[in-house]
């Protein structure tokens, strides 16, 4: 095997350390929404065939409807920022929808919206 210079060895160690740090930063990252000391987990996904449109949900709604609404709103805004770089949303069902008209299935609040350019 060839001889490794000290400078190349230090560069290799530094590169490995940076790679390990980058990987450590990617694991265990949670973007949950917290309201009143309670964590509300949520998700948003595109509507098939139209990536500008999405469905966002969060829960548990039984713990706090306001917290679940905030969590679903957060997920929708995050989705649009990630997808289009804007937080403008045209909500079909969203944070301004009357509570009695909200979809509360599975102990989660579900919103529908479209990212606006």
Protein backbone atom coordinates (compact mmCIF):
# COMPACT_ATOMS: atom_id res chain seq x y z
CA UNK A 1 0.00 0.00 0.00
CA UNK A 2 1.08 3.56 -0.60
CA UNK A 3 2.16 5.96 2.06
CA UNK A 4 -0.48 8.40 3.37
CA UNK A 5 0.75 11.87 4.15
CA UNK A 6 -0.28 13.47 7.43
CA UNK A 7 -2.14 16.25 5.58
CA UNK A 8 -4.21 13.73 3.58
CA UNK A 9 -4.98 11.83 6.79
CA UNK A 10 -6.25 15.00 8.50
CA UNK A 11 -8.40 15.86 5.47
CA UNK A 12 -9.88 12.37 5.47
CA UNK A 13 -10.68 12.52 9.18
CA UNK A 14 -12.23 15.98 8.76
CA UNK A 15 -14.36 14.79 5.84
CA UNK A 16 -15.56 11.76 7.81
CA UNK A 17 -16.37 13.95 10.82
CA UNK A 18 -18.40 16.35 8.65
CA UNK A 19 -20.27 13.45 7.05
CA UNK A 20 -21.08 11.98 10.48
CA UNK A 21 -22.27 15.39 11.71
CA UNK A 22 -24.49 15.83 8.65
CA UNK A 23 -26.04 12.40 9.13
CA UNK A 24 -26.59 13.03 12.84
CA UNK A 25 -28.44 16.24 11.98
CA UNK A 26 -30.86 14.33 9.72
CA UNK A 27 -32.00 11.76 12.23
CA UNK A 28 -34.66 12.28 14.81
CA UNK A 29 -35.88 15.62 13.44
CA UNK A 30 -39.55 16.10 14.29
CA UNK A 31 -41.61 18.96 12.96
CA UNK A 32 -44.58 18.42 15.23
CA UNK A 33 -46.76 21.32 16.34
CA UNK A 34 -46.99 22.13 20.05
CA UNK A 35 -50.01 23.89 21.55
CA UNK A 36 -50.70 24.31 25.26
CA UNK A 37 -47.82 22.02 26.13
CA UNK A 38 -49.27 19.17 24.02
CA UNK A 39 -47.61 17.88 20.85
CA UNK A 40 -49.81 17.39 17.79
CA UNK A 41 -48.34 15.22 15.06
CA UNK A 42 -49.36 15.95 11.52
CA UNK A 43 -48.69 15.29 7.89
CA UNK A 44 -49.49 16.72 4.50
CA UNK A 45 -49.51 14.97 1.17
CA UNK A 46 -50.26 15.99 -2.40
CA UNK A 47 -53.53 15.18 -4.11
CA UNK A 48 -52.95 12.66 -6.86
CA UNK A 49 -52.47 14.37 -10.22
CA UNK A 50 -52.16 17.90 -8.77
CA UNK A 51 -49.15 18.58 -6.56
CA UNK A 52 -50.33 22.12 -5.78
CA UNK A 53 -53.34 20.64 -4.00
CA UNK A 54 -52.82 18.84 -0.71
CA UNK A 55 -54.49 17.19 2.24
CA UNK A 56 -53.11 18.04 5.69
CA UNK A 57 -54.09 16.49 8.99
CA UNK A 58 -53.07 16.63 12.65
CA UNK A 59 -54.20 15.21 15.94
CA UNK A 60 -55.18 14.17 18.53
CA UNK A 61 -58.28 16.36 18.13
CA UNK A 62 -59.84 14.92 21.31
CA UNK A 63 -57.09 16.51 23.42
CA UNK A 64 -57.49 19.98 21.89
CA UNK A 65 -59.39 20.90 18.76
CA UNK A 66 -57.52 24.23 18.63
CA UNK A 67 -54.20 22.36 18.82
CA UNK A 68 -55.19 19.96 16.04
CA UNK A 69 -56.37 22.86 13.87
CA UNK A 70 -53.05 24.62 14.44
CA UNK A 71 -51.16 21.44 13.60
CA UNK A 72 -53.05 20.86 10.34
CA UNK A 73 -52.58 24.52 9.38
CA UNK A 74 -48.85 24.23 10.13
CA UNK A 75 -48.57 21.13 7.94
CA UNK A 76 -50.35 22.84 5.04
CA UNK A 77 -48.16 25.94 5.23
CA UNK A 78 -45.02 23.78 5.51
CA UNK A 79 -46.13 21.75 2.48
CA UNK A 80 -46.61 24.85 0.31
CA UNK A 81 -43.32 26.42 1.41
CA UNK A 82 -41.46 23.20 0.62
CA UNK A 83 -43.24 22.73 -2.72
CA UNK A 84 -43.59 26.27 -4.09
CA UNK A 85 -41.69 28.50 -1.69
CA UNK A 86 -44.85 30.36 -0.67
CA UNK A 87 -47.18 30.13 2.29
CA UNK A 88 -50.21 31.41 0.36
CA UNK A 89 -53.01 28.85 0.45
CA UNK A 90 -56.52 28.75 -0.97
CA UNK A 91 -58.27 26.55 1.61
CA UNK A 92 -61.27 24.44 0.59
CA UNK A 93 -61.50 23.22 4.21
CA UNK A 94 -59.11 25.03 6.53
CA UNK A 95 -58.59 27.01 9.70
CA UNK A 96 -61.50 29.37 8.96
CA UNK A 97 -64.00 26.58 8.32
CA UNK A 98 -66.75 26.48 10.99
CA UNK A 99 -65.93 23.81 13.57
CA UNK A 100 -69.12 21.84 12.96
CA UNK A 101 -68.09 21.41 9.29
CA UNK A 102 -64.56 20.08 9.99
CA UNK A 103 -63.54 16.54 9.09
CA UNK A 104 -62.65 14.96 12.47
CA UNK A 105 -62.27 11.32 11.48
CA UNK A 106 -59.70 9.15 13.24
CA UNK A 107 -59.21 11.72 16.05
CA UNK A 108 -57.52 14.03 13.54
CA UNK A 109 -58.50 17.29 11.84
CA UNK A 110 -58.18 17.08 8.06
CA UNK A 111 -57.82 20.14 5.83
CA UNK A 112 -57.75 20.48 2.06
CA UNK A 113 -56.07 23.31 0.22
CA UNK A 114 -54.15 24.47 -2.81
CA UNK A 115 -50.83 26.29 -2.83
CA UNK A 116 -51.08 29.66 -4.58
CA UNK A 117 -48.18 31.06 -6.59
